[in-house]
């Protein structure tokens, strides 16, 4: 879930390759996305090992604190 309020970005640059996609394996510590809050870009990392099952928000969506961003099946 989102650790802060801000704008969700799926990649580090506009039009760039998304950090993660559905079906991709991730490890704890891998960057999942960026949340911009008050002009500061915050990398959001996975806290589990698993597989991305669903991405619940769209690029550039405004997100709320505690909002679910991804469904990750733990491994």
PDB file of N, CA and C in Angstrom:
ATOM      1  N   UNK A   1       0.834  -1.190   0.000  1.00  0.00           N
ATOM      2  CA  UNK A   1       0.000   0.000   0.000  1.00  0.00           C
ATOM      3  C   UNK A   1       0.874   1.246   0.000  1.00  0.00           C
ATOM      4  N   UNK A   2       0.296   2.330  -0.432  1.00  0.00           N
ATOM      5  CA  UNK A   2       1.049   3.580  -0.589  1.00  0.00           C
ATOM      6  C   UNK A   2       1.499   4.114   0.774  1.00  0.00           C
ATOM      7  N   UNK A   3       2.793   4.426   0.886  1.00  0.00           N
ATOM      8  CA  UNK A   3       3.293   4.966   2.150  1.00  0.00           C
ATOM      9  C   UNK A   3       3.083   6.474   2.289  1.00  0.00           C
ATOM     10  N   UNK A   4       2.616   7.133   1.209  1.00  0.00           N
ATOM     11  CA  UNK A   4       2.391   8.571   1.257  1.00  0.00           C
ATOM     12  C   UNK A   4       1.419   8.983   0.165  1.00  0.00           C
ATOM     13  N   UNK A   5       0.977  10.226   0.221  1.00  0.00           N
ATOM     14  CA  UNK A   5       0.069  10.801  -0.761  1.00  0.00           C
ATOM     15  C   UNK A   5       0.909  11.430  -1.869  1.00  0.00           C
ATOM     16  N   UNK A   6       0.505  11.237  -3.117  1.00  0.00           N
ATOM     17  CA  UNK A   6       1.244  11.853  -4.213  1.00  0.00           C
ATOM     18  C   UNK A   6       0.808  11.329  -5.556  1.00  0.00           C
ATOM     19  N   UNK A   7       1.688  11.490  -6.548  1.00  0.00           N
ATOM     20  CA  UNK A   7       1.417  11.047  -7.912  1.00  0.00           C
ATOM     21  C   UNK A   7       2.224   9.789  -8.202  1.00  0.00           C
ATOM     22  N   UNK A   8       1.548   8.765  -8.720  1.00  0.00           N
ATOM     23  CA  UNK A   8       2.156   7.462  -9.029  1.00  0.00           C
ATOM     24  C   UNK A   8       2.796   7.518 -10.407  1.00  0.00           C
ATOM     25  N   UNK A   9       4.053   7.076 -10.484  1.00  0.00           N
ATOM     26  CA  UNK A   9       4.741   6.961 -11.775  1.00  0.00           C
ATOM     27  C   UNK A   9       5.275   5.545 -11.923  1.00  0.00           C
ATOM     28  N   UNK A  10       4.973   4.935 -13.068  1.00  0.00           N
ATOM     29  CA  UNK A  10       5.392   3.546 -13.298  1.00  0.00           C
ATOM     30  C   UNK A  10       6.835   3.431 -13.768  1.00  0.00           C
ATOM     31  N   UNK A  11       7.447   4.552 -14.175  1.00  0.00           N
ATOM     32  CA  UNK A  11       8.832   4.528 -14.653  1.00  0.00           C
ATOM     33  C   UNK A  11       9.563   5.770 -14.167  1.00  0.00           C
ATOM     34  N   UNK A  12      10.877   5.768 -14.358  1.00  0.00           N
ATOM     35  CA  UNK A  12      11.684   6.894 -13.882  1.00  0.00           C
ATOM     36  C   UNK A  12      11.679   8.081 -14.837  1.00  0.00           C
ATOM     37  N   UNK A  13      11.251   7.865 -16.082  1.00  0.00           N
ATOM     38  CA  UNK A  13      11.197   8.940 -17.067  1.00  0.00           C
ATOM     39  C   UNK A  13       9.890   8.866 -17.850  1.00  0.00           C
ATOM     40  N   UNK A  14       9.345   9.993 -18.295  1.00  0.00           N
ATOM     41  CA  UNK A  14       8.119   9.957 -19.090  1.00  0.00           C
ATOM     42  C   UNK A  14       8.295   9.059 -20.315  1.00  0.00           C
ATOM     43  N   UNK A  15       7.392   8.122 -20.493  1.00  0.00           N
ATOM     44  CA  UNK A  15       7.456   7.214 -21.625  1.00  0.00           C
ATOM     45  C   UNK A  15       8.489   6.113 -21.474  1.00  0.00           C
ATOM     46  N   UNK A  16       9.166   6.076 -20.337  1.00  0.00           N
ATOM     47  CA  UNK A  16      10.189   5.055 -20.099  1.00  0.00           C
ATOM     48  C   UNK A  16       9.588   3.702 -19.762  1.00  0.00           C
ATOM     49  N   UNK A  17      10.454   2.709 -19.729  1.00  0.00           N
ATOM     50  CA  UNK A  17      10.027   1.345 -19.406  1.00  0.00           C
ATOM     51  C   UNK A  17       9.567   1.289 -17.956  1.00  0.00           C
ATOM     52  N   UNK A  18       8.406   0.679 -17.729  1.00  0.00           N
ATOM     53  CA  UNK A  18       7.864   0.550 -16.375  1.00  0.00           C
ATOM     54  C   UNK A  18       8.792  -0.303 -15.515  1.00  0.00           C
ATOM     55  N   UNK A  19       8.865   0.055 -14.233  1.00  0.00           N
ATOM     56  CA  UNK A  19       9.688  -0.731 -13.308  1.00  0.00           C
ATOM     57  C   UNK A  19       9.221  -2.185 -13.254  1.00  0.00           C
ATOM     58  N   UNK A  20       7.909  -2.391 -13.209  1.00  0.00           N
ATOM     59  CA  UNK A  20       7.373  -3.756 -13.120  1.00  0.00           C
ATOM     60  C   UNK A  20       6.160  -3.903 -14.034  1.00  0.00           C
ATOM     61  N   UNK A  21       5.862  -5.159 -14.379  1.00  0.00           N
ATOM     62  CA  UNK A  21       4.677  -5.468 -15.168  1.00  0.00           C
ATOM     63  C   UNK A  21       4.036  -6.722 -14.607  1.00  0.00           C
ATOM     64  N   UNK A  22       2.781  -6.946 -14.976  1.00  0.00           N
ATOM     65  CA  UNK A  22       2.056  -8.128 -14.509  1.00  0.00           C
ATOM     66  C   UNK A  22       2.801  -9.379 -14.960  1.00  0.00           C
ATOM     67  N   UNK A  23       2.973 -10.322 -14.043  1.00  0.00           N
ATOM     68  CA  UNK A  23       3.664 -11.574 -14.330  1.00  0.00           C
ATOM     69  C   UNK A  23       5.144 -11.546 -13.983  1.00  0.00           C
ATOM     70  N   UNK A  24       5.662 -10.375 -13.681  1.00  0.00           N
ATOM     71  CA  UNK A  24       7.081 -10.230 -13.369  1.00  0.00           C
ATOM     72  C   UNK A  24       7.370 -10.652 -11.927  1.00  0.00           C
ATOM     73  N   UNK A  25       8.480 -11.361 -11.737  1.00  0.00           N
ATOM     74  CA  UNK A  25       8.941 -11.704 -10.391  1.00  0.00           C
ATOM     75  C   UNK A  25       9.669 -10.509  -9.794  1.00  0.00           C
ATOM     76  N   UNK A  26       9.442 -10.288  -8.494  1.00  0.00           N
ATOM     77  CA  UNK A  26      10.144  -9.224  -7.776  1.00  0.00           C
ATOM     78  C   UNK A  26      10.724  -9.793  -6.486  1.00  0.00           C
ATOM     79  N   UNK A  27      11.768  -9.152  -6.030  1.00  0.00           N
ATOM     80  CA  UNK A  27      12.393  -9.512  -4.762  1.00  0.00           C
ATOM     81  C   UNK A  27      12.247  -8.352  -3.797  1.00  0.00           C
ATOM     82  N   UNK A  28      12.275  -8.641  -2.511  1.00  0.00           N
ATOM     83  CA  UNK A  28      12.239  -7.589  -1.505  1.00  0.00           C
ATOM     84  C   UNK A  28      13.367  -6.608  -1.807  1.00  0.00           C
ATOM     85  N   UNK A  29      13.038  -5.329  -1.836  1.00  0.00           N
ATOM     86  CA  UNK A  29      14.020  -4.295  -2.132  1.00  0.00           C
ATOM     87  C   UNK A  29      13.997  -3.796  -3.564  1.00  0.00           C
ATOM     88  N   UNK A  30      13.325  -4.528  -4.469  1.00  0.00           N
ATOM     89  CA  UNK A  30      13.204  -4.077  -5.862  1.00  0.00           C
ATOM     90  C   UNK A  30      12.294  -2.849  -5.937  1.00  0.00           C
ATOM     91  N   UNK A  31      12.647  -1.892  -6.785  1.00  0.00           N
ATOM     92  CA  UNK A  31      11.804  -0.712  -6.987  1.00  0.00           C
ATOM     93  C   UNK A  31      10.578  -1.105  -7.796  1.00  0.00           C
ATOM     94  N   UNK A  32       9.389  -0.707  -7.294  1.00  0.00           N
ATOM     95  CA  UNK A  32       8.127  -0.999  -7.966  1.00  0.00           C
ATOM     96  C   UNK A  32       7.606   0.204  -8.749  1.00  0.00           C
ATOM     97  N   UNK A  33       7.842   1.401  -8.202  1.00  0.00           N
ATOM     98  CA  UNK A  33       7.317   2.619  -8.815  1.00  0.00           C
ATOM     99  C   UNK A  33       7.946   3.817  -8.116  1.00  0.00           C
ATOM    100  N   UNK A  34       7.537   4.991  -8.551  1.00  0.00           N
ATOM    101  CA  UNK A  34       7.922   6.238  -7.897  1.00  0.00           C
ATOM    102  C   UNK A  34       6.637   6.951  -7.494  1.00  0.00           C
ATOM    103  N   UNK A  35       6.653   7.546  -6.305  1.00  0.00           N
ATOM    104  CA  UNK A  35       5.562   8.419  -5.884  1.00  0.00           C
ATOM    105  C   UNK A  35       6.158   9.806  -5.663  1.00  0.00           C
ATOM    106  N   UNK A  36       5.630  10.779  -6.417  1.00  0.00           N
ATOM    107  CA  UNK A  36       6.077  12.162  -6.254  1.00  0.00           C
ATOM    108  C   UNK A  36       5.214  12.830  -5.197  1.00  0.00           C
ATOM    109  N   UNK A  37       5.873  13.334  -4.170  1.00  0.00           N
ATOM    110  CA  UNK A  37       5.181  14.046  -3.104  1.00  0.00           C
ATOM    111  C   UNK A  37       5.936  15.341  -2.842  1.00  0.00           C
ATOM    112  N   UNK A  38       5.276  16.460  -3.021  1.00  0.00           N
ATOM    113  CA  UNK A  38       5.864  17.782  -2.797  1.00  0.00           C
ATOM    114  C   UNK A  38       7.186  17.934  -3.562  1.00  0.00           C
ATOM    115  N   UNK A  39       7.176  17.558  -4.842  1.00  0.00           N
ATOM    116  CA  UNK A  39       8.316  17.686  -5.764  1.00  0.00           C
ATOM    117  C   UNK A  39       9.491  16.761  -5.433  1.00  0.00           C
ATOM    118  N   UNK A  40       9.288  15.821  -4.519  1.00  0.00           N
ATOM    119  CA  UNK A  40      10.325  14.844  -4.187  1.00  0.00           C
ATOM    120  C   UNK A  40       9.906  13.495  -4.762  1.00  0.00           C
ATOM    121  N   UNK A  41      10.829  12.879  -5.519  1.00  0.00           N
ATOM    122  CA  UNK A  41      10.557  11.569  -6.119  1.00  0.00           C
ATOM    123  C   UNK A  41      10.981  10.476  -5.133  1.00  0.00           C
ATOM    124  N   UNK A  42      10.018   9.692  -4.681  1.00  0.00           N
ATOM    125  CA  UNK A  42      10.258   8.635  -3.700  1.00  0.00           C
ATOM    126  C   UNK A  42      10.133   7.276  -4.362  1.00  0.00           C
ATOM    127  N   UNK A  43      11.219   6.508  -4.392  1.00  0.00           N
ATOM    128  CA  UNK A  43      11.158   5.154  -4.942  1.00  0.00           C
ATOM    129  C   UNK A  43      10.453   4.259  -3.929  1.00  0.00           C
ATOM    130  N   UNK A  44       9.457   3.515  -4.410  1.00  0.00           N
ATOM    131  CA  UNK A  44       8.722   2.592  -3.556  1.00  0.00           C
ATOM    132  C   UNK A  44       9.225   1.189  -3.865  1.00  0.00           C
ATOM    133  N   UNK A  45       9.689   0.499  -2.823  1.00  0.00           N
ATOM    134  CA  UNK A  45      10.287  -0.823  -2.987  1.00  0.00           C
ATOM    135  C   UNK A  45       9.353  -1.913  -2.485  1.00  0.00           C
ATOM    136  N   UNK A  46       9.501  -3.094  -3.067  1.00  0.00           N
ATOM    137  CA  UNK A  46       8.759  -4.260  -2.612  1.00  0.00           C
ATOM    138  C   UNK A  46       9.283  -4.676  -1.245  1.00  0.00           C
ATOM    139  N   UNK A  47       8.380  -5.106  -0.382  1.00  0.00           N
ATOM    140  CA  UNK A  47       8.815  -5.620   0.919  1.00  0.00           C
ATOM    141  C   UNK A  47       8.703  -7.144   0.974  1.00  0.00           C
ATOM    142  N   UNK A  48       8.376  -7.762  -0.169  1.00  0.00           N
ATOM    143  CA  UNK A  48       8.253  -9.223  -0.232  1.00  0.00           C
ATOM    144  C   UNK A  48       8.860  -9.756  -1.528  1.00  0.00           C
ATOM    145  N   UNK A  49       9.149 -11.034  -1.544  1.00  0.00           N
ATOM    146  CA  UNK A  49       9.500 -11.752  -2.771  1.00  0.00           C
ATOM    147  C   UNK A  49       8.203 -12.290  -3.350  1.00  0.00           C
ATOM    148  N   UNK A  50       8.002 -12.142  -4.654  1.00  0.00           N
ATOM    149  CA  UNK A  50       6.771 -12.647  -5.235  1.00  0.00           C
ATOM    150  C   UNK A  50       6.645 -12.321  -6.704  1.00  0.00           C
ATOM    151  N   UNK A  51       5.393 -12.401  -7.182  1.00  0.00           N
ATOM    152  CA  UNK A  51       5.073 -12.153  -8.583  1.00  0.00           C
ATOM    153  C   UNK A  51       3.968 -11.092  -8.635  1.00  0.00           C
ATOM    154  N   UNK A  52       4.149 -10.097  -9.514  1.00  0.00           N
ATOM    155  CA  UNK A  52       3.135  -9.054  -9.706  1.00  0.00           C
ATOM    156  C   UNK A  52       1.917  -9.695 -10.376  1.00  0.00           C
ATOM    157  N   UNK A  53       0.790  -9.709  -9.676  1.00  0.00           N
ATOM    158  CA  UNK A  53      -0.445 -10.276 -10.222  1.00  0.00           C
ATOM    159  C   UNK A  53      -1.343  -9.215 -10.831  1.00  0.00           C
ATOM    160  N   UNK A  54      -1.267  -7.989 -10.282  1.00  0.00           N
ATOM    161  CA  UNK A  54      -2.127  -6.919 -10.783  1.00  0.00           C
ATOM    162  C   UNK A  54      -1.524  -5.575 -10.373  1.00  0.00           C
ATOM    163  N   UNK A  55      -1.667  -4.582 -11.245  1.00  0.00           N
ATOM    164  CA  UNK A  55      -1.292  -3.209 -10.939  1.00  0.00           C
ATOM    165  C   UNK A  55      -2.608  -2.443 -10.839  1.00  0.00           C
ATOM    166  N   UNK A  56      -2.885  -1.894  -9.657  1.00  0.00           N
ATOM    167  CA  UNK A  56      -4.206  -1.363  -9.342  1.00  0.00           C
ATOM    168  C   UNK A  56      -4.392   0.112  -9.682  1.00  0.00           C
ATOM    169  N   UNK A  57      -3.338   0.786 -10.111  1.00  0.00           N
ATOM    170  CA  UNK A  57      -3.430   2.204 -10.460  1.00  0.00           C
ATOM    171  C   UNK A  57      -2.783   2.435 -11.825  1.00  0.00           C
ATOM    172  N   UNK A  58      -3.117   3.547 -12.432  1.00  0.00           N
ATOM    173  CA  UNK A  58      -2.552   3.910 -13.729  1.00  0.00           C
ATOM    174  C   UNK A  58      -1.448   4.949 -13.549  1.00  0.00           C
ATOM    175  N   UNK A  59      -0.548   4.991 -14.512  1.00  0.00           N
ATOM    176  CA  UNK A  59       0.525   5.976 -14.495  1.00  0.00           C
ATOM    177  C   UNK A  59      -0.054   7.379 -14.335  1.00  0.00           C
ATOM    178  N   UNK A  60       0.552   8.159 -13.464  1.00  0.00           N
ATOM    179  CA  UNK A  60       0.193   9.548 -13.169  1.00  0.00           C
ATOM    180  C   UNK A  60      -1.104   9.694 -12.376  1.00  0.00           C
ATOM    181  N   UNK A  61      -1.644   8.597 -11.831  1.00  0.00           N
ATOM    182  CA  UNK A  61      -2.795   8.698 -10.932  1.00  0.00           C
ATOM    183  C   UNK A  61      -2.366   9.359  -9.628  1.00  0.00           C
ATOM    184  N   UNK A  62      -3.270  10.137  -9.047  1.00  0.00           N
ATOM    185  CA  UNK A  62      -3.046  10.674  -7.706  1.00  0.00           C
ATOM    186  C   UNK A  62      -3.440   9.573  -6.723  1.00  0.00           C
ATOM    187  N   UNK A  63      -2.568   9.261  -5.788  1.00  0.00           N
ATOM    188  CA  UNK A  63      -2.839   8.183  -4.847  1.00  0.00           C
ATOM    189  C   UNK A  63      -2.903   8.714  -3.418  1.00  0.00           C
ATOM    190  N   UNK A  64      -3.629   7.982  -2.595  1.00  0.00           N
ATOM    191  CA  UNK A  64      -3.830   8.335  -1.192  1.00  0.00           C
ATOM    192  C   UNK A  64      -2.986   7.449  -0.287  1.00  0.00           C
ATOM    193  N   UNK A  65      -2.671   7.935   0.893  1.00  0.00           N
ATOM    194  CA  UNK A  65      -1.951   7.148   1.886  1.00  0.00           C
ATOM    195  C   UNK A  65      -2.715   5.856   2.171  1.00  0.00           C
ATOM    196  N   UNK A  66      -2.020   4.730   2.140  1.00  0.00           N
ATOM    197  CA  UNK A  66      -2.625   3.440   2.447  1.00  0.00           C
ATOM    198  C   UNK A  66      -3.333   2.778   1.276  1.00  0.00           C
ATOM    199  N   UNK A  67      -3.417   3.456   0.128  1.00  0.00           N
ATOM    200  CA  UNK A  67      -4.084   2.892  -1.046  1.00  0.00           C
ATOM    201  C   UNK A  67      -3.266   1.720  -1.585  1.00  0.00           C
ATOM    202  N   UNK A  68      -3.951   0.631  -1.940  1.00  0.00           N
ATOM    203  CA  UNK A  68      -3.262  -0.514  -2.545  1.00  0.00           C
ATOM    204  C   UNK A  68      -2.847  -0.149  -3.963  1.00  0.00           C
ATOM    205  N   UNK A  69      -1.576  -0.459  -4.296  1.00  0.00           N
ATOM    206  CA  UNK A  69      -1.029  -0.138  -5.611  1.00  0.00           C
ATOM    207  C   UNK A  69      -0.819  -1.378  -6.464  1.00  0.00           C
ATOM    208  N   UNK A  70      -0.441  -2.474  -5.821  1.00  0.00           N
ATOM    209  CA  UNK A  70      -0.119  -3.724  -6.512  1.00  0.00           C
ATOM    210  C   UNK A  70      -0.715  -4.903  -5.767  1.00  0.00           C
ATOM    211  N   UNK A  71      -0.986  -5.975  -6.507  1.00  0.00           N
ATOM    212  CA  UNK A  71      -1.270  -7.274  -5.903  1.00  0.00           C
ATOM    213  C   UNK A  71      -0.049  -8.136  -6.197  1.00  0.00           C
ATOM    214  N   UNK A  72       0.629  -8.568  -5.126  1.00  0.00           N
ATOM    215  CA  UNK A  72       1.822  -9.380  -5.257  1.00  0.00           C
ATOM    216  C   UNK A  72       1.576 -10.720  -4.571  1.00  0.00           C
ATOM    217  N   UNK A  73       1.730 -11.792  -5.339  1.00  0.00           N
ATOM    218  CA  UNK A  73       1.602 -13.140  -4.769  1.00  0.00           C
ATOM    219  C   UNK A  73       2.955 -13.514  -4.171  1.00  0.00           C
ATOM    220  N   UNK A  74       2.989 -13.690  -2.863  1.00  0.00           N
ATOM    221  CA  UNK A  74       4.254 -13.993  -2.182  1.00  0.00           C
ATOM    222  C   UNK A  74       4.768 -15.358  -2.591  1.00  0.00           C
ATOM    223  N   UNK A  75       6.100 -15.461  -2.621  1.00  0.00           N
ATOM    224  CA  UNK A  75       6.751 -16.736  -2.939  1.00  0.00           C
ATOM    225  C   UNK A  75       7.624 -17.159  -1.784  1.00  0.00           C
TER     226      UNK A  75
END
